[in-house]
């Protein structure tokens, strides 16, 4: 059971919290029906993501066995067979669709997003991840699909700035993750991924800087946009921008100075400074919307 849980990567389910972003930014956290729909959609994305993780590990098994860390993955280590992995891939995908029947409305629309996410990521695992830039864009677009599904399920209209910011933020994190691969390639002379040879530190550093900068601009534009001011009845959201700036700077520090950006989920779960910044942003945002 332990190896199966590692195969479906429970720890990575935290990424699917993006499904709840529309609830947060749409001021719908006190709407019980919207919250229920968001949680069901979150569960569906957790299952479909685990399905893709199974396929990814099946396709990368040989490369993982040569990797100093990934060689410990269940399939690469031999703890789980490829046949078992395919079986769990199918089960996880079936579960992702099955839970959608619990949605009070919009089952077909959300299901369509889930299926599209699955097909896109199957293509990613089979071929598209071999192309530099395309690979990180697909990863980032996957998070956009999460918030779109969450918005449809909870019946929350998304601001165009939130959609852009989600894409750019996750693109920033993806480039930071690729930086770790480039460092390993420079040290060992072996590319961890087929497309790593199409990246280098100069390009990655510039890409990180650009995406972080535009992400901050998008967030500020969101906080001052007339539609958001009207919907949330406040003009003070711009004050939370300072936490976004500090958070981005901290992550760049971890990537460039500490050179530990290989796993964004691990960074967020273990770095106390990042956690405090996120918490401060969260509290200030909620205070401005629901209290002030």
Protein backbone atom coordinates (compact mmCIF):
# COMPACT_ATOMS: atom_id res chain seq x y z
CA UNK A 1 0.00 0.00 0.00
CA UNK A 2 2.84 2.40 0.81
CA UNK A 3 4.27 2.02 -2.69
CA UNK A 4 0.86 2.57 -4.27
CA UNK A 5 0.44 5.79 -2.30
CA UNK A 6 3.87 6.88 -3.49
CA UNK A 7 2.90 6.01 -7.06
CA UNK A 8 -0.19 8.23 -7.03
CA UNK A 9 1.83 10.96 -5.25
CA UNK A 10 -0.54 12.07 -2.51
CA UNK A 11 1.80 14.90 -1.56
CA UNK A 12 1.38 16.42 -5.01
CA UNK A 13 -2.36 16.72 -4.49
CA UNK A 14 -1.69 20.08 -2.85
CA UNK A 15 -1.25 21.46 -6.38
CA UNK A 16 -4.92 20.83 -7.04
CA UNK A 17 -5.89 23.44 -4.46
CA UNK A 18 -5.83 25.79 -7.48
CA UNK A 19 -9.33 24.42 -8.13
CA UNK A 20 -10.48 26.45 -5.12
CA UNK A 21 -8.92 29.69 -6.37
CA UNK A 22 -12.22 30.92 -7.92
CA UNK A 23 -13.95 30.51 -4.55
CA UNK A 24 -11.27 32.54 -2.83
CA UNK A 25 -10.93 35.36 -5.33
CA UNK A 26 -14.64 35.37 -6.09
CA UNK A 27 -15.56 35.95 -2.46
CA UNK A 28 -17.64 32.74 -2.39
CA UNK A 29 -16.03 31.03 0.61
CA UNK A 30 -19.21 31.52 2.63
CA UNK A 31 -21.41 29.96 -0.06
CA UNK A 32 -21.90 26.35 1.12
CA UNK A 33 -23.09 25.04 -2.26
CA UNK A 34 -20.19 26.64 -4.11
CA UNK A 35 -17.71 25.27 -1.57
CA UNK A 36 -19.18 21.76 -1.90
CA UNK A 37 -18.92 21.93 -5.70
CA UNK A 38 -15.33 23.14 -5.41
CA UNK A 39 -14.37 20.28 -3.10
CA UNK A 40 -15.89 17.67 -5.45
CA UNK A 41 -14.01 19.19 -8.39
CA UNK A 42 -10.84 19.24 -6.29
CA UNK A 43 -11.23 15.50 -5.60
CA UNK A 44 -11.76 14.82 -9.30
CA UNK A 45 -8.57 16.66 -10.22
CA UNK A 46 -6.63 14.81 -7.53
CA UNK A 47 -7.65 11.48 -9.03
CA UNK A 48 -7.00 12.46 -12.66
CA UNK A 49 -3.60 13.94 -11.72
CA UNK A 50 -2.67 10.67 -10.01
CA UNK A 51 -3.67 8.83 -13.17
CA UNK A 52 -1.23 10.96 -15.15
CA UNK A 53 1.52 10.42 -12.55
CA UNK A 54 1.16 6.67 -13.11
CA UNK A 55 1.55 7.07 -16.87
CA UNK A 56 4.47 9.46 -16.45
CA UNK A 57 6.37 7.00 -14.25
CA UNK A 58 5.66 4.17 -16.69
CA UNK A 59 7.04 6.18 -19.61
CA UNK A 60 10.06 7.46 -17.66
CA UNK A 61 10.98 4.20 -15.93
CA UNK A 62 14.32 3.74 -17.70
CA UNK A 63 15.39 7.35 -17.23
CA UNK A 64 14.27 7.27 -13.59
CA UNK A 65 16.46 4.23 -12.92
CA UNK A 66 19.49 6.30 -13.95
CA UNK A 67 18.46 9.28 -11.80
CA UNK A 68 20.01 9.58 -8.30
CA UNK A 69 16.67 10.45 -6.68
CA UNK A 70 13.95 9.25 -9.06
CA UNK A 71 15.42 5.74 -9.04
CA UNK A 72 13.55 5.28 -5.75
CA UNK A 73 10.16 5.73 -7.38
CA UNK A 74 7.91 2.63 -7.08
CA UNK A 75 8.11 1.52 -10.72
CA UNK A 76 11.79 2.37 -11.21
CA UNK A 77 12.71 0.50 -8.03
CA UNK A 78 10.62 -2.52 -8.99
CA UNK A 79 8.23 -2.19 -6.05
CA UNK A 80 5.29 -1.75 -8.46
CA UNK A 81 5.05 -3.49 -11.83
CA UNK A 82 4.17 -1.68 -15.04
CA UNK A 83 0.99 -3.74 -15.28
CA UNK A 84 -0.09 -2.66 -11.82
CA UNK A 85 0.70 0.95 -12.66
CA UNK A 86 -1.53 0.81 -15.76
CA UNK A 87 -4.32 -0.68 -13.66
CA UNK A 88 -4.10 2.13 -11.11
CA UNK A 89 -3.94 4.67 -13.90
CA UNK A 90 -7.31 3.43 -15.20
CA UNK A 91 -8.82 3.25 -11.72
CA UNK A 92 -7.75 6.80 -10.86
CA UNK A 93 -9.17 8.18 -14.11
CA UNK A 94 -12.46 6.34 -13.57
CA UNK A 95 -12.69 7.73 -10.03
CA UNK A 96 -12.06 11.25 -11.29
CA UNK A 97 -15.14 11.02 -13.52
CA UNK A 98 -17.26 9.08 -11.02
CA UNK A 99 -17.05 11.71 -8.26
CA UNK A 100 -18.38 14.36 -10.65
CA UNK A 101 -21.84 12.79 -10.37
CA UNK A 102 -21.92 14.32 -6.89
CA UNK A 103 -21.84 17.82 -8.36
CA UNK A 104 -25.16 19.65 -7.98
CA UNK A 105 -24.79 21.10 -11.50
CA UNK A 106 -22.47 21.46 -14.51
CA UNK A 107 -21.28 17.82 -14.44
CA UNK A 108 -20.80 17.72 -18.21
CA UNK A 109 -18.88 20.99 -18.39
CA UNK A 110 -16.51 20.07 -15.56
CA UNK A 111 -16.19 16.54 -16.93
CA UNK A 112 -15.21 17.98 -20.29
CA UNK A 113 -12.41 19.98 -18.65
CA UNK A 114 -11.22 16.87 -16.78
CA UNK A 115 -11.17 14.78 -19.96
CA UNK A 116 -9.35 17.52 -21.86
CA UNK A 117 -6.79 17.76 -19.05
CA UNK A 118 -6.31 13.98 -19.20
CA UNK A 119 -5.88 13.89 -23.00
CA UNK A 120 -3.50 16.87 -22.99
CA UNK A 121 -1.33 15.31 -20.31
CA UNK A 122 -1.30 11.90 -21.99
CA UNK A 123 0.05 13.70 -25.07
CA UNK A 124 2.53 15.46 -22.78
CA UNK A 125 3.77 12.18 -21.30
CA UNK A 126 4.00 10.44 -24.67
CA UNK A 127 5.72 13.17 -26.69
CA UNK A 128 5.15 16.85 -25.94
CA UNK A 129 7.38 16.99 -22.85
CA UNK A 130 10.35 16.41 -25.12
CA UNK A 131 10.01 19.96 -26.51
CA UNK A 132 11.52 22.79 -24.50
CA UNK A 133 9.15 25.69 -23.66
CA UNK A 134 6.19 23.60 -24.86
CA UNK A 135 6.64 21.36 -21.82
CA UNK A 136 6.42 24.16 -19.24
CA UNK A 137 3.54 25.84 -21.08
CA UNK A 138 1.49 22.64 -20.94
CA UNK A 139 2.20 22.28 -17.22
CA UNK A 140 1.09 25.88 -16.64
CA UNK A 141 -2.01 25.46 -18.81
CA UNK A 142 -2.94 22.47 -16.66
CA UNK A 143 -3.33 24.84 -13.71
CA UNK A 144 -5.46 27.18 -15.79
CA UNK A 145 -7.75 24.21 -16.48
CA UNK A 146 -7.96 23.64 -12.73
CA UNK A 147 -9.24 27.13 -12.01
CA UNK A 148 -11.57 27.04 -15.03
CA UNK A 149 -13.12 23.79 -13.75
CA UNK A 150 -13.39 25.23 -10.24
CA UNK A 151 -15.03 28.38 -11.57
CA UNK A 152 -17.60 26.48 -13.64
CA UNK A 153 -18.43 24.07 -10.79
CA UNK A 154 -18.87 26.88 -8.24
CA UNK A 155 -20.55 29.21 -10.76
CA UNK A 156 -17.96 31.91 -10.17
CA UNK A 157 -17.03 34.19 -13.06
CA UNK A 158 -13.24 34.43 -13.31
CA UNK A 159 -11.38 37.67 -13.91
CA UNK A 160 -9.14 37.60 -16.97
CA UNK A 161 -6.32 38.77 -14.69
CA UNK A 162 -6.70 35.70 -12.48
CA UNK A 163 -6.46 33.41 -15.50
CA UNK A 164 -3.35 35.19 -16.77
CA UNK A 165 -1.80 35.30 -13.31
CA UNK A 166 -2.36 31.57 -12.78
CA UNK A 167 -0.69 30.73 -16.08
CA UNK A 168 2.24 33.04 -15.44
CA UNK A 169 2.78 32.01 -11.81
CA UNK A 170 2.86 28.30 -12.66
CA UNK A 171 5.04 29.02 -15.68
CA UNK A 172 7.45 30.79 -13.32
CA UNK A 173 7.50 27.76 -10.99
CA UNK A 174 8.01 25.40 -13.92
CA UNK A 175 11.00 27.34 -15.20
CA UNK A 176 12.45 27.36 -11.68
CA UNK A 177 12.04 23.59 -11.58
CA UNK A 178 13.80 23.22 -14.95
CA UNK A 179 16.68 25.26 -13.52
CA UNK A 180 17.40 22.38 -11.17
CA UNK A 181 17.65 20.03 -14.18
CA UNK A 182 20.07 22.39 -15.92
CA UNK A 183 22.29 22.52 -12.84
CA UNK A 184 22.38 18.72 -12.66
CA UNK A 185 23.22 18.54 -16.37
CA UNK A 186 26.06 21.05 -15.95
CA UNK A 187 27.46 19.05 -13.02
CA UNK A 188 27.17 15.55 -14.47
CA UNK A 189 27.17 16.14 -18.20
CA UNK A 190 23.98 14.07 -18.45
CA UNK A 191 20.63 15.64 -19.31
CA UNK A 192 17.90 14.53 -16.84
CA UNK A 193 15.30 15.14 -19.57
CA UNK A 194 15.55 14.99 -23.34
CA UNK A 195 14.72 18.68 -23.65
CA UNK A 196 17.15 19.87 -20.96
CA UNK A 197 19.82 20.41 -23.62
CA UNK A 198 17.59 23.15 -25.04
CA UNK A 199 17.83 25.09 -21.76
CA UNK A 200 20.78 26.80 -20.08
CA UNK A 201 21.19 28.94 -16.98
CA UNK A 202 21.18 32.24 -18.88
CA UNK A 203 17.89 31.46 -20.58
CA UNK A 204 16.29 29.99 -17.45
CA UNK A 205 17.31 32.96 -15.27
CA UNK A 206 15.88 35.41 -17.78
CA UNK A 207 12.68 33.39 -18.14
CA UNK A 208 12.25 33.30 -14.36
CA UNK A 209 12.76 37.07 -14.11
CA UNK A 210 10.30 37.83 -16.92
CA UNK A 211 7.54 35.53 -15.68
CA UNK A 212 7.89 36.71 -12.08
CA UNK A 213 7.70 40.36 -13.16
CA UNK A 214 4.64 39.91 -15.36
CA UNK A 215 2.96 37.79 -12.67
CA UNK A 216 3.31 40.66 -10.20
CA UNK A 217 1.95 43.14 -12.75
CA UNK A 218 -1.05 40.89 -13.43
CA UNK A 219 -1.77 40.60 -9.72
CA UNK A 220 -1.66 44.37 -9.26
CA UNK A 221 -3.92 44.84 -12.31
CA UNK A 222 -6.32 42.34 -10.77
CA UNK A 223 -6.48 44.17 -7.44
CA UNK A 224 -7.25 47.53 -9.05
CA UNK A 225 -9.49 46.37 -11.90
CA UNK A 226 -12.98 47.99 -11.82
CA UNK A 227 -14.80 44.64 -12.01
CA UNK A 228 -12.98 43.28 -8.95
CA UNK A 229 -13.48 46.50 -6.96
CA UNK A 230 -17.19 46.34 -7.80
CA UNK A 231 -17.60 42.63 -7.02
CA UNK A 232 -15.64 42.61 -3.77
CA UNK A 233 -16.63 46.13 -2.67
CA UNK A 234 -13.12 47.25 -1.78
CA UNK A 235 -10.34 49.32 -3.28
CA UNK A 236 -7.70 48.12 -0.82
CA UNK A 237 -6.68 44.77 -2.29
CA UNK A 238 -3.62 46.40 -3.85
CA UNK A 239 -2.09 46.44 -0.36
CA UNK A 240 -1.64 42.66 -0.54
CA UNK A 241 0.72 43.06 -3.51
CA UNK A 242 3.66 43.46 -1.14
CA UNK A 243 3.27 39.83 -0.01
CA UNK A 244 3.16 38.62 -3.61
CA UNK A 245 6.37 40.52 -4.34
CA UNK A 246 8.14 39.14 -1.26
CA UNK A 247 6.94 35.62 -2.04
CA UNK A 248 8.27 35.78 -5.60
CA UNK A 249 11.60 37.17 -4.41
CA UNK A 250 11.90 34.42 -1.80
CA UNK A 251 11.29 31.72 -4.39
CA UNK A 252 13.86 33.25 -6.73
CA UNK A 253 16.30 33.25 -3.81
CA UNK A 254 15.64 29.55 -3.22
CA UNK A 255 16.11 28.81 -6.94
CA UNK A 256 19.16 30.97 -7.66
CA UNK A 257 21.01 31.23 -4.33
CA UNK A 258 20.08 27.97 -2.60
CA UNK A 259 19.63 26.06 -5.88
CA UNK A 260 16.81 23.98 -4.41
CA UNK A 261 13.90 24.66 -6.76
CA UNK A 262 13.60 21.12 -8.15
CA UNK A 263 10.33 20.40 -6.34
CA UNK A 264 7.99 23.41 -5.87
CA UNK A 265 5.65 21.38 -3.67
CA UNK A 266 8.48 20.46 -1.31
CA UNK A 267 9.66 24.06 -1.17
CA UNK A 268 6.21 25.33 -0.22
CA UNK A 269 5.65 22.57 2.35
CA UNK A 270 9.05 22.95 4.04
CA UNK A 271 10.20 26.55 3.70
CA UNK A 272 8.96 28.45 6.75
CA UNK A 273 9.60 31.88 5.24
CA UNK A 274 7.45 31.06 2.22
CA UNK A 275 4.72 29.66 4.44
CA UNK A 276 4.67 32.81 6.58
CA UNK A 277 4.44 35.04 3.51
CA UNK A 278 1.58 32.99 2.05
CA UNK A 279 -0.20 33.02 5.41
CA UNK A 280 0.23 36.79 5.76
CA UNK A 281 -1.11 37.30 2.25
CA UNK A 282 -4.04 34.97 2.92
CA UNK A 283 -5.01 36.66 6.19
CA UNK A 284 -4.71 40.16 4.76
CA UNK A 285 -6.72 39.23 1.66
CA UNK A 286 -9.52 37.63 3.70
CA UNK A 287 -9.54 40.53 6.16
CA UNK A 288 -9.92 43.10 3.40
CA UNK A 289 -12.73 41.14 1.68
CA UNK A 290 -14.74 39.86 4.63
CA UNK A 291 -13.96 42.21 7.54
CA UNK A 292 -12.69 45.62 6.51
